[in-house]
Amino acid sequence: MNITYHREIRKDTSIYHYLFYVIFGCVFTLVGCAKPTHKEVMEPIDVPDINQAETIVLAEDVLAELHFSIDKIDVKSGFLKTRPLSGAQFFEFWRGDNVGGDNHLQANLHSIRRIVELDITDQGGKIRIGCNVKVQRLSLPEREVTSSARAYDMFSRSSPNLQKFSLNPEQEKSMAWIDLDDDIPLATEILRRIRERILDFRINKHQMTRNKT
């Protein structure tokens, strides 16, 4: 009876091993045959009945609502670029730069920042607005611990009310911002807000013209 029991156990175990190798082989095959993913590109939008200068002003307002500050602006070429803005943390509920669950998670797990670039050009009767949101993640090398004193230096001096983050000279030299994929969801949200702002602007402008006449 004991011999039969052991044989049944070995038989079940061999079946599990067989299924494991079959599943592993299928997954490996699917991964190997998968097509390479292509980088998403944010398509520009076209808006009529507004000029380039007015669009730039409205775009600045939208970026200000998202707490971006302007770094560079060229009215003639219609180019606008913001300064880097660190990703909103979970307690900063009033901010709107984390669009989608993945971006919320990434901003709370890593030190990331975003830079918005807008291209606003006149296409002969209509304005074309292109938006690109660059994402960068901070790469901070860990300090090697060779003694108990260095282990103490790994931690910054903080209090329950004030958290401080300090870097040693070696870390400051090695730290860098690594470029990640563009933030398509945020670029889509920025263009949506600009389009809505332009629509409200045109309505108000039309009403003012009617009141004058």
C-alpha atoms as a PDB file:
ATOM      1  CA  MET A   1       0.000   0.000   0.000  1.00  0.00           C
ATOM      2  CA  ASN A   2       2.822   2.366   0.809  1.00  0.00           C
ATOM      3  CA  ILE A   3       4.527   1.542  -2.479  1.00  0.00           C
ATOM      4  CA  THR A   4       1.391   2.381  -4.437  1.00  0.00           C
ATOM      5  CA  TYR A   5       1.019   5.673  -2.547  1.00  0.00           C
ATOM      6  CA  HIS A   6       4.580   6.735  -3.357  1.00  0.00           C
ATOM      7  CA  ARG A   7       4.102   5.798  -6.983  1.00  0.00           C
ATOM      8  CA  GLU A   8       0.964   7.966  -7.168  1.00  0.00           C
ATOM      9  CA  ILE A   9       2.855  10.900  -5.665  1.00  0.00           C
ATOM     10  CA  ARG A  10       5.672  10.525  -8.179  1.00  0.00           C
ATOM     11  CA  LYS A  11       3.160  10.287 -11.004  1.00  0.00           C
ATOM     12  CA  ASP A  12       1.380  13.507  -9.896  1.00  0.00           C
ATOM     13  CA  THR A  13       4.711  15.289  -9.458  1.00  0.00           C
ATOM     14  CA  SER A  14       5.863  14.358 -12.940  1.00  0.00           C
ATOM     15  CA  ILE A  15       2.591  15.679 -14.385  1.00  0.00           C
ATOM     16  CA  TYR A  16       3.093  19.031 -12.613  1.00  0.00           C
ATOM     17  CA  HIS A  17       6.649  19.237 -13.930  1.00  0.00           C
ATOM     18  CA  TYR A  18       5.433  18.480 -17.435  1.00  0.00           C
ATOM     19  CA  LEU A  19       2.745  21.189 -17.247  1.00  0.00           C
ATOM     20  CA  PHE A  20       5.263  23.666 -15.874  1.00  0.00           C
ATOM     21  CA  TYR A  21       7.656  23.147 -18.778  1.00  0.00           C
ATOM     22  CA  VAL A  22       4.817  23.365 -21.314  1.00  0.00           C
ATOM     23  CA  ILE A  23       3.554  26.667 -19.878  1.00  0.00           C
ATOM     24  CA  PHE A  24       7.081  28.062 -19.619  1.00  0.00           C
ATOM     25  CA  GLY A  25       7.780  27.100 -23.239  1.00  0.00           C
ATOM     26  CA  CYS A  26       4.576  28.813 -24.442  1.00  0.00           C
ATOM     27  CA  VAL A  27       5.346  32.019 -22.565  1.00  0.00           C
ATOM     28  CA  PHE A  28       8.921  32.061 -23.863  1.00  0.00           C
ATOM     29  CA  THR A  29       7.691  31.545 -27.411  1.00  0.00           C
ATOM     30  CA  LEU A  30       5.120  34.345 -27.152  1.00  0.00           C
ATOM     31  CA  VAL A  31       7.669  36.773 -25.750  1.00  0.00           C
ATOM     32  CA  GLY A  32      10.185  35.910 -28.433  1.00  0.00           C
ATOM     33  CA  CYS A  33       7.638  36.313 -31.214  1.00  0.00           C
ATOM     34  CA  ALA A  34       6.117  39.519 -29.893  1.00  0.00           C
ATOM     35  CA  LYS A  35       6.434  42.514 -32.137  1.00  0.00           C
ATOM     36  CA  PRO A  36       8.531  45.427 -30.834  1.00  0.00           C
ATOM     37  CA  THR A  37       6.450  48.247 -29.449  1.00  0.00           C
ATOM     38  CA  HIS A  38       6.601  51.600 -31.218  1.00  0.00           C
ATOM     39  CA  LYS A  39       6.849  54.884 -29.384  1.00  0.00           C
ATOM     40  CA  GLU A  40       3.562  56.733 -29.241  1.00  0.00           C
ATOM     41  CA  VAL A  41       3.405  60.124 -30.892  1.00  0.00           C
ATOM     42  CA  MET A  42       1.028  62.859 -29.772  1.00  0.00           C
ATOM     43  CA  GLU A  43      -0.805  64.254 -32.782  1.00  0.00           C
ATOM     44  CA  PRO A  44      -1.310  68.061 -32.884  1.00  0.00           C
ATOM     45  CA  ILE A  45      -4.753  69.652 -32.904  1.00  0.00           C
ATOM     46  CA  ASP A  46      -6.148  72.367 -35.199  1.00  0.00           C
ATOM     47  CA  VAL A  47      -8.338  75.196 -33.905  1.00  0.00           C
ATOM     48  CA  PRO A  48      -9.964  77.898 -36.105  1.00  0.00           C
ATOM     49  CA  ASP A  49     -11.033  81.504 -35.452  1.00  0.00           C
ATOM     50  CA  ILE A  50      -8.121  82.511 -33.233  1.00  0.00           C
ATOM     51  CA  ASN A  51      -4.694  83.984 -33.848  1.00  0.00           C
ATOM     52  CA  GLN A  52      -1.300  82.813 -32.678  1.00  0.00           C
ATOM     53  CA  ALA A  53      -0.755  85.447 -29.977  1.00  0.00           C
ATOM     54  CA  GLU A  54      -4.150  84.791 -28.376  1.00  0.00           C
ATOM     55  CA  THR A  55      -3.486  81.051 -28.367  1.00  0.00           C
ATOM     56  CA  ILE A  56      -0.139  81.492 -26.652  1.00  0.00           C
ATOM     57  CA  VAL A  57      -1.721  83.567 -23.875  1.00  0.00           C
ATOM     58  CA  LEU A  58      -4.429  80.959 -23.302  1.00  0.00           C
ATOM     59  CA  ALA A  59      -1.869  78.141 -23.350  1.00  0.00           C
ATOM     60  CA  GLU A  60       0.152  79.947 -20.681  1.00  0.00           C
ATOM     61  CA  ASP A  61      -2.951  80.109 -18.495  1.00  0.00           C
ATOM     62  CA  VAL A  62      -3.536  76.375 -18.849  1.00  0.00           C
ATOM     63  CA  LEU A  63       0.065  75.552 -17.934  1.00  0.00           C
ATOM     64  CA  ALA A  64      -0.147  77.887 -14.932  1.00  0.00           C
ATOM     65  CA  GLU A  65      -3.215  75.984 -13.717  1.00  0.00           C
ATOM     66  CA  LEU A  66      -1.088  72.830 -13.771  1.00  0.00           C
ATOM     67  CA  HIS A  67       1.640  74.668 -11.776  1.00  0.00           C
ATOM     68  CA  PHE A  68       4.131  74.799 -14.660  1.00  0.00           C
ATOM     69  CA  SER A  69       6.292  77.910 -14.957  1.00  0.00           C
ATOM     70  CA  ILE A  70       7.533  79.210 -18.297  1.00  0.00           C
ATOM     71  CA  ASP A  71      11.220  78.793 -19.097  1.00  0.00           C
ATOM     72  CA  LYS A  72      11.325  79.930 -22.733  1.00  0.00           C
ATOM     73  CA  ILE A  73       8.808  81.534 -25.069  1.00  0.00           C
ATOM     74  CA  ASP A  74       9.129  82.743 -28.657  1.00  0.00           C
ATOM     75  CA  VAL A  75       5.975  84.441 -29.907  1.00  0.00           C
ATOM     76  CA  LYS A  76       7.199  84.663 -33.516  1.00  0.00           C
ATOM     77  CA  SER A  77       7.843  80.951 -33.891  1.00  0.00           C
ATOM     78  CA  GLY A  78       5.092  79.978 -31.460  1.00  0.00           C
ATOM     79  CA  PHE A  79       7.400  77.905 -29.270  1.00  0.00           C
ATOM     80  CA  LEU A  80       6.819  77.602 -25.538  1.00  0.00           C
ATOM     81  CA  LYS A  81       8.791  75.535 -23.020  1.00  0.00           C
ATOM     82  CA  THR A  82       8.297  75.120 -19.273  1.00  0.00           C
ATOM     83  CA  ARG A  83      10.761  74.613 -16.467  1.00  0.00           C
ATOM     84  CA  PRO A  84      10.980  71.088 -15.006  1.00  0.00           C
ATOM     85  CA  LEU A  85       8.142  70.336 -12.588  1.00  0.00           C
ATOM     86  CA  SER A  86       8.468  67.501 -10.081  1.00  0.00           C
ATOM     87  CA  GLY A  87       5.637  64.948 -10.161  1.00  0.00           C
ATOM     88  CA  ALA A  88       2.781  65.491  -7.726  1.00  0.00           C
ATOM     89  CA  GLN A  89       2.764  63.346  -4.593  1.00  0.00           C
ATOM     90  CA  PHE A  90      -0.293  61.464  -3.333  1.00  0.00           C
ATOM     91  CA  PHE A  91      -1.172  64.172  -0.795  1.00  0.00           C
ATOM     92  CA  GLU A  92      -1.063  66.986  -3.391  1.00  0.00           C
ATOM     93  CA  PHE A  93      -4.651  66.386  -4.460  1.00  0.00           C
ATOM     94  CA  TRP A  94      -4.988  69.898  -5.922  1.00  0.00           C
ATOM     95  CA  ARG A  95      -2.480  69.200  -8.709  1.00  0.00           C
ATOM     96  CA  GLY A  96      -3.354  67.666 -12.058  1.00  0.00           C
ATOM     97  CA  ASP A  97      -0.040  66.718 -13.679  1.00  0.00           C
ATOM     98  CA  ASN A  98      -0.375  62.991 -12.878  1.00  0.00           C
ATOM     99  CA  VAL A  99      -2.849  61.736 -15.478  1.00  0.00           C
ATOM    100  CA  GLY A 100      -3.716  58.049 -15.127  1.00  0.00           C
ATOM    101  CA  GLY A 101      -2.924  55.412 -12.526  1.00  0.00           C
ATOM    102  CA  ASP A 102       0.502  54.547 -13.945  1.00  0.00           C
ATOM    103  CA  ASN A 103       1.680  58.155 -13.709  1.00  0.00           C
ATOM    104  CA  HIS A 104       0.353  58.468 -10.143  1.00  0.00           C
ATOM    105  CA  LEU A 105       2.252  55.328  -9.152  1.00  0.00           C
ATOM    106  CA  GLN A 106       5.462  56.382 -10.878  1.00  0.00           C
ATOM    107  CA  ALA A 107       5.454  59.851  -9.312  1.00  0.00           C
ATOM    108  CA  ASN A 108       5.066  58.370  -5.821  1.00  0.00           C
ATOM    109  CA  LEU A 109       7.649  55.619  -6.233  1.00  0.00           C
ATOM    110  CA  HIS A 110      10.362  57.630  -7.985  1.00  0.00           C
ATOM    111  CA  SER A 111      11.679  61.172  -8.211  1.00  0.00           C
ATOM    112  CA  ILE A 112      10.408  62.310 -11.596  1.00  0.00           C
ATOM    113  CA  ARG A 113       9.961  65.646 -13.311  1.00  0.00           C
ATOM    114  CA  ARG A 114       8.191  66.783 -16.481  1.00  0.00           C
ATOM    115  CA  ILE A 115       8.913  69.443 -19.106  1.00  0.00           C
ATOM    116  CA  VAL A 116       6.170  70.659 -21.453  1.00  0.00           C
ATOM    117  CA  GLU A 117       6.898  71.946 -24.950  1.00  0.00           C
ATOM    118  CA  LEU A 118       4.229  73.569 -27.114  1.00  0.00           C
ATOM    119  CA  ASP A 119       4.465  74.402 -30.826  1.00  0.00           C
ATOM    120  CA  ILE A 120       1.765  76.874 -31.865  1.00  0.00           C
ATOM    121  CA  THR A 121       1.849  77.689 -35.577  1.00  0.00           C
ATOM    122  CA  ASP A 122      -0.412  79.501 -38.020  1.00  0.00           C
ATOM    123  CA  GLN A 123      -1.535  77.168 -40.800  1.00  0.00           C
ATOM    124  CA  GLY A 124      -3.369  79.757 -42.856  1.00  0.00           C
ATOM    125  CA  GLY A 125      -6.698  80.400 -41.179  1.00  0.00           C
ATOM    126  CA  LYS A 126      -6.305  77.946 -38.339  1.00  0.00           C
ATOM    127  CA  ILE A 127      -3.865  77.397 -35.496  1.00  0.00           C
ATOM    128  CA  ARG A 128      -2.061  74.096 -35.077  1.00  0.00           C
ATOM    129  CA  ILE A 129      -0.996  73.182 -31.539  1.00  0.00           C
ATOM    130  CA  GLY A 130       1.502  70.437 -30.858  1.00  0.00           C
ATOM    131  CA  CYS A 131       2.322  69.288 -27.336  1.00  0.00           C
ATOM    132  CA  ASN A 132       5.212  67.183 -26.060  1.00  0.00           C
ATOM    133  CA  VAL A 133       5.715  66.288 -22.406  1.00  0.00           C
ATOM    134  CA  LYS A 134       9.178  64.982 -21.573  1.00  0.00           C
ATOM    135  CA  VAL A 135       9.577  62.835 -18.465  1.00  0.00           C
ATOM    136  CA  GLN A 136      12.819  62.392 -16.546  1.00  0.00           C
ATOM    137  CA  ARG A 137      13.633  60.204 -13.553  1.00  0.00           C
ATOM    138  CA  LEU A 138      16.345  60.956 -11.024  1.00  0.00           C
ATOM    139  CA  SER A 139      19.147  58.410 -10.900  1.00  0.00           C
ATOM    140  CA  LEU A 140      20.857  58.638  -7.546  1.00  0.00           C
ATOM    141  CA  PRO A 141      23.702  56.181  -6.832  1.00  0.00           C
ATOM    142  CA  GLU A 142      23.847  54.684  -3.368  1.00  0.00           C
ATOM    143  CA  ARG A 143      26.786  55.486  -1.169  1.00  0.00           C
ATOM    144  CA  GLU A 144      29.048  52.547  -0.440  1.00  0.00           C
ATOM    145  CA  VAL A 145      29.131  51.593   3.246  1.00  0.00           C
ATOM    146  CA  THR A 146      32.632  50.739   4.396  1.00  0.00           C
ATOM    147  CA  SER A 147      32.341  51.619   8.090  1.00  0.00           C
ATOM    148  CA  SER A 148      29.807  52.299  10.816  1.00  0.00           C
ATOM    149  CA  ALA A 149      30.379  56.058  10.389  1.00  0.00           C
ATOM    150  CA  ARG A 150      29.457  55.861   6.705  1.00  0.00           C
ATOM    151  CA  ALA A 151      26.328  53.906   7.593  1.00  0.00           C
ATOM    152  CA  TYR A 152      25.248  56.816   9.783  1.00  0.00           C
ATOM    153  CA  ASP A 153      25.944  59.285   6.960  1.00  0.00           C
ATOM    154  CA  MET A 154      23.497  57.450   4.681  1.00  0.00           C
ATOM    155  CA  PHE A 155      20.615  59.053   6.543  1.00  0.00           C
ATOM    156  CA  SER A 156      19.796  62.763   6.483  1.00  0.00           C
ATOM    157  CA  ARG A 157      19.181  64.655   9.691  1.00  0.00           C
ATOM    158  CA  SER A 158      15.437  65.141   9.955  1.00  0.00           C
ATOM    159  CA  SER A 159      12.737  65.750  12.491  1.00  0.00           C
ATOM    160  CA  PRO A 160       9.111  64.526  12.615  1.00  0.00           C
ATOM    161  CA  ASN A 161       7.990  67.918  11.265  1.00  0.00           C
ATOM    162  CA  LEU A 162      10.746  68.583   8.728  1.00  0.00           C
ATOM    163  CA  GLN A 163      12.272  66.015   6.393  1.00  0.00           C
ATOM    164  CA  LYS A 164      15.660  66.889   4.898  1.00  0.00           C
ATOM    165  CA  PHE A 165      17.429  65.277   1.978  1.00  0.00           C
ATOM    166  CA  SER A 166      21.160  65.783   1.758  1.00  0.00           C
ATOM    167  CA  LEU A 167      23.684  64.452  -0.734  1.00  0.00           C
ATOM    168  CA  ASN A 168      27.348  63.836  -0.248  1.00  0.00           C
ATOM    169  CA  PRO A 169      29.797  65.176  -2.887  1.00  0.00           C
ATOM    170  CA  GLU A 170      30.226  61.740  -4.486  1.00  0.00           C
ATOM    171  CA  GLN A 171      26.477  61.361  -5.011  1.00  0.00           C
ATOM    172  CA  GLU A 172      26.124  64.900  -6.386  1.00  0.00           C
ATOM    173  CA  LYS A 173      28.717  64.171  -9.061  1.00  0.00           C
ATOM    174  CA  SER A 174      27.044  60.904 -10.110  1.00  0.00           C
ATOM    175  CA  MET A 175      23.393  61.940  -9.966  1.00  0.00           C
ATOM    176  CA  ALA A 176      21.635  62.425 -13.290  1.00  0.00           C
ATOM    177  CA  TRP A 177      18.172  62.794 -14.830  1.00  0.00           C
ATOM    178  CA  ILE A 178      17.349  59.902 -17.147  1.00  0.00           C
ATOM    179  CA  ASP A 179      14.935  60.462 -20.024  1.00  0.00           C
ATOM    180  CA  LEU A 180      11.836  58.241 -20.006  1.00  0.00           C
ATOM    181  CA  ASP A 181       9.010  57.861 -22.528  1.00  0.00           C
ATOM    182  CA  ASP A 182       6.952  60.960 -23.278  1.00  0.00           C
ATOM    183  CA  ASP A 183       3.848  61.499 -21.144  1.00  0.00           C
ATOM    184  CA  ILE A 184       1.100  61.064 -23.745  1.00  0.00           C
ATOM    185  CA  PRO A 185      -1.820  61.184 -21.240  1.00  0.00           C
ATOM    186  CA  LEU A 186      -0.689  64.533 -19.819  1.00  0.00           C
ATOM    187  CA  ALA A 187      -0.082  65.975 -23.307  1.00  0.00           C
ATOM    188  CA  THR A 188      -3.617  64.902 -24.255  1.00  0.00           C
ATOM    189  CA  GLU A 189      -5.023  66.569 -21.136  1.00  0.00           C
ATOM    190  CA  ILE A 190      -3.119  69.807 -21.824  1.00  0.00           C
ATOM    191  CA  LEU A 191      -4.431  69.983 -25.388  1.00  0.00           C
ATOM    192  CA  ARG A 192      -7.954  69.257 -24.169  1.00  0.00           C
ATOM    193  CA  ARG A 193      -7.776  72.116 -21.677  1.00  0.00           C
ATOM    194  CA  ILE A 194      -6.354  74.494 -24.279  1.00  0.00           C
ATOM    195  CA  ARG A 195      -9.131  73.598 -26.714  1.00  0.00           C
ATOM    196  CA  GLU A 196     -11.787  74.238 -24.051  1.00  0.00           C
ATOM    197  CA  ARG A 197     -10.139  77.523 -23.093  1.00  0.00           C
ATOM    198  CA  ILE A 198     -10.118  78.613 -26.743  1.00  0.00           C
ATOM    199  CA  LEU A 199     -13.806  77.700 -27.108  1.00  0.00           C
ATOM    200  CA  ASP A 200     -14.723  79.810 -24.060  1.00  0.00           C
ATOM    201  CA  PHE A 201     -12.566  82.659 -25.385  1.00  0.00           C
ATOM    202  CA  ARG A 202     -14.320  82.622 -28.769  1.00  0.00           C
ATOM    203  CA  ILE A 203     -17.766  82.603 -27.121  1.00  0.00           C
ATOM    204  CA  ASN A 204     -16.889  85.559 -24.894  1.00  0.00           C
ATOM    205  CA  LYS A 205     -15.327  87.413 -27.815  1.00  0.00           C
ATOM    206  CA  HIS A 206     -18.434  86.850 -29.940  1.00  0.00           C
ATOM    207  CA  GLN A 207     -20.718  88.103 -27.158  1.00  0.00           C
ATOM    208  CA  MET A 208     -18.610  91.224 -26.671  1.00  0.00           C
ATOM    209  CA  THR A 209     -18.814  91.931 -30.414  1.00  0.00           C
ATOM    210  CA  ARG A 210     -22.604  91.551 -30.377  1.00  0.00           C
ATOM    211  CA  ASN A 211     -22.926  93.858 -27.375  1.00  0.00           C
ATOM    212  CA  LYS A 212     -20.936  96.568 -29.140  1.00  0.00           C
ATOM    213  CA  THR A 213     -23.161  96.391 -32.197  1.00  0.00           C
END
